[in-house]
Every structure is written in C-alpha cells, then in structure tokens.
C-alpha cells in the first residue's frame, strides 16, 4: 500500500479543512457516532487506561472514547474542530455525571504543551486530517515519553473503506490529499510515527446493526456528513445512481438473512507506544 508521510506545500490545506469541516457539520454525525460507543470502550481497554492518567481525545466527535476514558476515572480533555459535536459529547458527559473538559481544537495544531498527556486517543477522527504527517507529529508531541497513542481507524478493504470509494465515484476527494484510509494500515502508521515508537495493531470489526438496508440508507443519507454532502452536490440522475450503488454495497456486505442489516465493519485498532 502506498505510504505518504508528507503533504505537498502547494496544497491549500486551509481551504481543504474548511470544506471538510462543512462536510462533518452537515447532517448530525452524533446520531451515528453514538452507535459506535463500543469501539471507544475496547480502545481504552487495549490501551490499558488507568485512573491516574491524563488523557486527550483528538478529533473526538461526540465523545465515544472521551466517555470511555472518563468512565475509567481518567483526567480527560475532549477536542474536535466541530463545536456542535463537542456539545453533543458535553451533553452525554453531563447525563452520566462524568467530569470532562471540552475544547475546540485542530488536530494539526493542538493547543497543549509538549508531553502533556499519558494517553492520546482517537476513534475514526484523526484519520480524516488532510495533513497526516502534521497530525501524527502533534499527537507525538503532546504525548509523554513511554506514553501511548491509541487509535481506531477504518481499513481500506473494510465496509467503510468501500463506502468512501463508492462516494468518491460521485464526489472525488481533494487532489493531492492522501486517503484517510491509509491510517487503517499498520505499515502506514509505522511510516507516520517513525522508528522511535512501537506500533501494536490488530483488526477488529464493529457490527453495524440496522432495521433493514433501507433504514441504513435513510439514517446515513440524513445524518452522515459525507453522504449528505454527496447527495446534495449531484443531480437527480446522479442521486439515483448513488442510491443504487449504496444498496449494492449493503447487499454485498450484509450477513443478515432475515431482512435486517448486520454488517461487519473492519477497522484497525492500533497502540503506538512512544
């Protein structure tokens, strides 16, 4: 698999991040994000997270890894560049009476001192940064020596990887920007984080469970930013074609035989020890 650890200086990364932010603000990702809670729980267990540790959740979304860490009584700061998602995380933390600090922050320019955290987390978040090398560098910078960077990243060959390839047929990704799915490759993580770290990785499956393929399409086309924006940016014939492609993808991955939808979504669970 291709590995890219630098981003061409000629790219207008600011403009790309603005477009990305607009995409993730479309719909309401928290509706979908909350169904992924088990991934945050498993990630905290994989990191052997302790109550006496200071934890940073990067590109936290609506806070799955954040809440998992807070439930283990760690000192947690939850960050994202989409304020509305942080607000959803804040509501969840308040409902559970969990102590968490929420702060808007760009994963490529974290507003924290060097070596501030024992554990840095990210579940399906940091992988979407356009400047991958910078994001990895920032996570390394704020992590203390012997600390851990724990991530869950969708794999290229898994269901979500194929979903993004499907969307890309209708809304091509920004030219020159490395695919976020590269983060789902252990070899790419080794390239990003360098030889001074140890990367331990394993593939896992998150199981998407919906009432039917039609129910999945309804939810994702209403709330999942990349699909919301894709449907909004193409004409009627394109929308019909995308709709048909989505159903074909679901039928290919769906293992349920009773009319419901049960799809294993492969992701890479990675622990980077500094």
Protein backbone atom coordinates (compact mmCIF):
# COMPACT_ATOMS: atom_id res chain seq x y z
CA UNK A 1 0.00 0.00 0.00
CA UNK A 2 1.15 3.48 -0.81
CA UNK A 3 2.55 5.38 2.17
CA UNK A 4 2.56 9.16 2.34
CA UNK A 5 4.12 10.96 5.27
CA UNK A 6 4.33 14.45 3.81
CA UNK A 7 1.76 16.72 2.25
CA UNK A 8 2.73 18.91 -0.73
CA UNK A 9 3.22 22.51 0.34
CA UNK A 10 1.32 23.68 -2.76
CA UNK A 11 -1.96 22.33 -1.40
CA UNK A 12 -4.30 24.88 0.16
CA UNK A 13 -4.78 22.94 3.39
CA UNK A 14 -6.80 25.72 4.99
CA UNK A 15 -9.38 25.58 2.21
CA UNK A 16 -9.45 21.79 2.36
CA UNK A 17 -10.05 21.81 6.11
CA UNK A 18 -12.85 24.34 5.71
CA UNK A 19 -14.54 22.05 3.19
CA UNK A 20 -14.04 19.06 5.47
CA UNK A 21 -15.46 20.93 8.45
CA UNK A 22 -18.52 21.88 6.40
CA UNK A 23 -18.95 18.24 5.42
CA UNK A 24 -18.87 16.96 9.00
CA UNK A 25 -21.20 19.73 10.12
CA UNK A 26 -23.78 18.56 7.57
CA UNK A 27 -26.45 16.28 8.97
CA UNK A 28 -25.87 15.22 12.56
CA UNK A 29 -22.99 12.77 12.93
CA UNK A 30 -23.79 12.30 16.63
CA UNK A 31 -26.83 10.21 15.64
CA UNK A 32 -24.48 7.70 14.02
CA UNK A 33 -21.47 8.30 16.23
CA UNK A 34 -23.23 7.21 19.40
CA UNK A 35 -23.82 3.74 17.90
CA UNK A 36 -20.02 3.27 17.79
CA UNK A 37 -19.58 3.58 21.56
CA UNK A 38 -18.24 0.04 21.98
CA UNK A 39 -15.19 0.98 19.88
CA UNK A 40 -14.16 3.59 22.45
CA UNK A 41 -14.59 1.12 25.28
CA UNK A 42 -12.48 -1.53 23.56
CA UNK A 43 -9.81 1.04 22.67
CA UNK A 44 -9.44 2.14 26.29
CA UNK A 45 -9.07 -1.48 27.33
CA UNK A 46 -6.47 -2.09 24.62
CA UNK A 47 -4.53 0.94 25.92
CA UNK A 48 -4.80 -0.42 29.48
CA UNK A 49 -6.01 3.02 30.51
CA UNK A 50 -5.63 3.88 34.20
CA UNK A 51 -7.45 6.25 36.54
CA UNK A 52 -4.28 8.21 37.32
CA UNK A 53 -3.61 9.14 33.70
CA UNK A 54 -4.14 12.39 31.81
CA UNK A 55 -5.93 11.66 28.54
CA UNK A 56 -6.52 13.65 25.34
CA UNK A 57 -9.18 12.61 22.83
CA UNK A 58 -8.28 14.05 19.40
CA UNK A 59 -11.00 14.64 16.78
CA UNK A 60 -13.33 13.24 19.40
CA UNK A 61 -16.62 13.76 17.59
CA UNK A 62 -19.45 13.29 20.05
CA UNK A 63 -17.15 11.66 22.55
CA UNK A 64 -17.14 7.88 22.43
CA UNK A 65 -13.51 7.45 23.50
CA UNK A 66 -13.88 10.50 25.75
CA UNK A 67 -16.72 8.93 27.73
CA UNK A 68 -14.98 5.55 27.86
CA UNK A 69 -11.88 7.17 29.39
CA UNK A 70 -13.94 9.24 31.82
CA UNK A 71 -15.81 6.12 32.94
CA UNK A 72 -12.40 4.78 33.94
CA UNK A 73 -11.88 7.91 36.10
CA UNK A 74 -9.06 9.36 34.00
CA UNK A 75 -8.47 13.11 33.67
CA UNK A 76 -9.88 13.71 30.17
CA UNK A 77 -9.81 16.57 27.66
CA UNK A 78 -12.04 16.08 24.61
CA UNK A 79 -11.23 18.04 21.42
CA UNK A 80 -12.69 18.48 17.96
CA UNK A 81 -12.86 21.28 15.41
CA UNK A 82 -16.64 20.88 15.05
CA UNK A 83 -18.15 22.64 18.04
CA UNK A 84 -21.60 21.09 17.61
CA UNK A 85 -20.15 17.61 18.04
CA UNK A 86 -18.34 18.64 21.21
CA UNK A 87 -21.66 19.96 22.52
CA UNK A 88 -23.23 16.52 21.96
CA UNK A 89 -20.33 14.98 23.87
CA UNK A 90 -20.79 17.52 26.67
CA UNK A 91 -24.48 16.60 26.93
CA UNK A 92 -23.61 12.91 27.19
CA UNK A 93 -20.99 13.53 29.86
CA UNK A 94 -23.39 15.67 31.89
CA UNK A 95 -26.08 12.99 31.66
CA UNK A 96 -23.65 10.48 33.17
CA UNK A 97 -22.21 13.00 35.63
CA UNK A 98 -18.73 12.50 34.21
CA UNK A 99 -16.02 15.11 34.64
CA UNK A 100 -14.62 16.05 31.21
CA UNK A 101 -13.12 19.22 29.78
CA UNK A 102 -14.26 20.01 26.22
CA UNK A 103 -12.22 22.29 23.95
CA UNK A 104 -12.37 23.14 20.25
CA UNK A 105 -9.03 22.30 18.67
CA UNK A 106 -7.47 21.44 15.32
CA UNK A 107 -5.76 18.03 15.36
CA UNK A 108 -2.95 19.52 13.27
CA UNK A 109 -2.28 22.31 15.79
CA UNK A 110 -3.11 21.02 19.26
CA UNK A 111 -3.12 23.86 21.83
CA UNK A 112 -1.29 21.90 24.52
CA UNK A 113 2.25 21.82 25.84
CA UNK A 114 4.77 19.17 24.89
CA UNK A 115 4.46 15.86 26.78
CA UNK A 116 1.19 16.87 28.46
CA UNK A 117 -0.68 13.55 28.25
CA UNK A 118 -0.16 9.94 29.24
CA UNK A 119 -2.60 8.66 26.61
CA UNK A 120 -3.78 10.25 23.34
CA UNK A 121 -6.92 8.70 21.84
CA UNK A 122 -8.74 8.95 18.52
CA UNK A 123 -11.61 6.85 17.17
CA UNK A 124 -12.31 7.38 13.47
CA UNK A 125 -11.27 11.01 13.83
CA UNK A 126 -7.64 11.94 13.30
CA UNK A 127 -7.56 9.73 10.20
CA UNK A 128 -9.53 12.42 8.33
CA UNK A 129 -6.96 15.19 8.76
CA UNK A 130 -5.60 16.39 5.38
CA UNK A 131 -2.00 16.78 6.64
CA UNK A 132 -1.40 13.33 8.06
CA UNK A 133 2.23 13.87 8.96
CA UNK A 134 1.39 17.02 10.91
CA UNK A 135 -1.43 15.34 12.82
CA UNK A 136 0.80 12.39 13.75
CA UNK A 137 3.55 14.80 14.79
CA UNK A 138 1.16 16.74 17.02
CA UNK A 139 -0.08 13.59 18.73
CA UNK A 140 3.51 12.54 19.33
CA UNK A 141 4.45 15.99 20.63
CA UNK A 142 1.76 16.13 23.32
CA UNK A 143 2.29 12.51 24.42
CA UNK A 144 4.80 11.97 27.21
CA UNK A 145 7.75 9.59 26.82
CA UNK A 146 6.58 5.98 27.27
CA UNK A 147 3.01 7.19 26.78
CA UNK A 148 0.53 5.70 24.33
CA UNK A 149 -1.34 6.91 21.26
CA UNK A 150 -4.38 4.67 20.81
CA UNK A 151 -6.45 4.81 17.63
CA UNK A 152 -9.29 3.10 15.83
CA UNK A 153 -9.11 3.67 12.05
CA UNK A 154 -11.27 2.23 9.27
CA UNK A 155 -9.36 -0.07 6.92
CA UNK A 156 -9.24 0.40 3.13
CA UNK A 157 -10.70 -3.04 2.42
CA UNK A 158 -13.48 -2.91 5.02
CA UNK A 159 -17.08 -1.78 4.66
CA UNK A 160 -16.45 1.91 5.42
CA UNK A 161 -13.40 1.85 3.16
CA UNK A 162 -15.62 0.60 0.34
CA UNK A 163 -18.27 3.16 1.27
CA UNK A 164 -15.79 6.01 0.77
CA UNK A 165 -14.71 4.55 -2.56
CA UNK A 166 -18.37 4.48 -3.59
CA UNK A 167 -18.88 8.12 -2.56
CA UNK A 168 -15.67 9.03 -4.37
CA UNK A 169 -17.22 7.98 -7.69
CA UNK A 170 -19.63 10.91 -7.37
CA UNK A 171 -17.66 13.40 -5.26
CA UNK A 172 -13.92 12.93 -5.93
CA UNK A 173 -11.60 13.61 -2.97
CA UNK A 174 -9.42 16.70 -2.96
CA UNK A 175 -6.49 16.19 -5.40
CA UNK A 176 -3.16 15.59 -3.73
CA UNK A 177 -4.58 14.73 -0.31
CA UNK A 178 -3.68 11.27 0.96
CA UNK A 179 -6.58 8.91 1.58
CA UNK A 180 -7.71 8.80 5.23
CA UNK A 181 -7.99 5.04 4.81
CA UNK A 182 -4.20 4.81 4.86
CA UNK A 183 -4.46 5.16 8.65
CA UNK A 184 -6.04 1.71 8.62
CA UNK A 185 -2.70 0.20 7.55
CA UNK A 186 -0.13 -0.78 10.18
CA UNK A 187 2.73 -0.15 7.74
CA UNK A 188 1.48 3.38 7.11
CA UNK A 189 1.29 4.08 10.83
CA UNK A 190 4.89 2.95 11.14
CA UNK A 191 5.81 5.44 8.42
CA UNK A 192 3.82 8.25 10.02
CA UNK A 193 5.09 7.83 13.57
CA UNK A 194 8.67 6.83 12.82
CA UNK A 195 11.18 4.29 14.08
CA UNK A 196 11.32 5.62 17.63
CA UNK A 197 7.93 4.10 18.51
CA UNK A 198 6.43 0.64 18.78
CA UNK A 199 3.20 0.01 16.90
CA UNK A 200 0.94 -2.84 18.02
CA UNK A 201 -2.11 -3.31 15.82
CA UNK A 202 -4.99 -5.73 15.34
CA UNK A 203 -8.01 -5.75 13.06
CA UNK A 204 -11.42 -5.70 14.68
CA UNK A 205 -14.99 -5.47 13.42
CA UNK A 206 -17.62 -3.02 14.52
CA UNK A 207 -21.01 -4.52 13.67
CA UNK A 208 -23.45 -2.11 12.06
CA UNK A 209 -26.96 -3.17 13.07
CA UNK A 210 -29.99 -1.50 11.45
CA UNK A 211 -33.61 -2.44 10.83
CA UNK A 212 -33.01 -3.00 7.12
CA UNK A 213 -30.79 -1.78 4.27
CA UNK A 214 -33.40 0.92 3.64
CA UNK A 215 -33.18 2.02 7.26
CA UNK A 216 -29.37 2.33 6.98
CA UNK A 217 -29.71 4.43 3.81
CA UNK A 218 -32.30 6.65 5.49
CA UNK A 219 -30.11 7.27 8.54
CA UNK A 220 -26.82 7.77 6.70
CA UNK A 221 -28.27 9.96 3.95
CA UNK A 222 -29.87 12.16 6.63
CA UNK A 223 -27.08 12.38 9.22
CA UNK A 224 -23.69 11.19 7.86
CA UNK A 225 -21.97 14.31 6.52
CA UNK A 226 -20.06 12.78 3.57
CA UNK A 227 -23.22 11.13 2.22
CA UNK A 228 -25.41 14.16 2.94
CA UNK A 229 -22.99 16.38 1.00
CA UNK A 230 -22.65 13.84 -1.81
CA UNK A 231 -26.40 13.69 -2.44
CA UNK A 232 -26.62 17.49 -2.24
CA UNK A 233 -23.86 18.05 -4.81
CA UNK A 234 -25.12 15.85 -7.67
CA UNK A 235 -28.15 15.99 -9.97
CA UNK A 236 -31.21 13.75 -9.83
CA UNK A 237 -29.78 11.05 -12.10
CA UNK A 238 -26.60 11.03 -10.02
CA UNK A 239 -28.62 10.68 -6.82
CA UNK A 240 -30.46 7.68 -8.26
CA UNK A 241 -27.17 6.10 -9.28
CA UNK A 242 -25.57 6.73 -5.88
CA UNK A 243 -28.63 5.33 -4.14
CA UNK A 244 -28.39 2.17 -6.26
CA UNK A 245 -24.68 1.85 -5.56
CA UNK A 246 -25.27 2.18 -1.81
CA UNK A 247 -27.84 -0.61 -1.85
CA UNK A 248 -25.48 -2.80 -3.90
CA UNK A 249 -22.72 -2.18 -1.34
CA UNK A 250 -25.03 -3.01 1.56
CA UNK A 251 -26.22 -6.20 -0.12
CA UNK A 252 -22.59 -7.25 -0.69
CA UNK A 253 -21.60 -6.84 2.98
CA UNK A 254 -24.87 -7.67 4.77
CA UNK A 255 -24.69 -11.04 6.56
CA UNK A 256 -28.29 -10.97 7.83
CA UNK A 257 -30.84 -13.21 6.12
CA UNK A 258 -33.95 -12.00 7.94
CA UNK A 259 -34.48 -8.62 6.28
CA UNK A 260 -32.44 -6.70 8.85
CA UNK A 261 -28.96 -5.27 8.28
CA UNK A 262 -25.91 -6.71 10.03
CA UNK A 263 -22.60 -5.61 8.52
CA UNK A 264 -19.13 -6.22 9.99
CA UNK A 265 -17.15 -3.01 9.56
CA UNK A 266 -13.43 -3.72 9.72
CA UNK A 267 -11.13 -1.28 11.49
CA UNK A 268 -7.56 -1.25 12.75
CA UNK A 269 -7.07 -0.90 16.50
CA UNK A 270 -3.55 0.47 16.95
CA UNK A 271 -1.49 1.28 20.03
CA UNK A 272 1.58 3.43 19.39
CA UNK A 273 3.98 3.43 22.35
CA UNK A 274 6.32 6.40 22.39
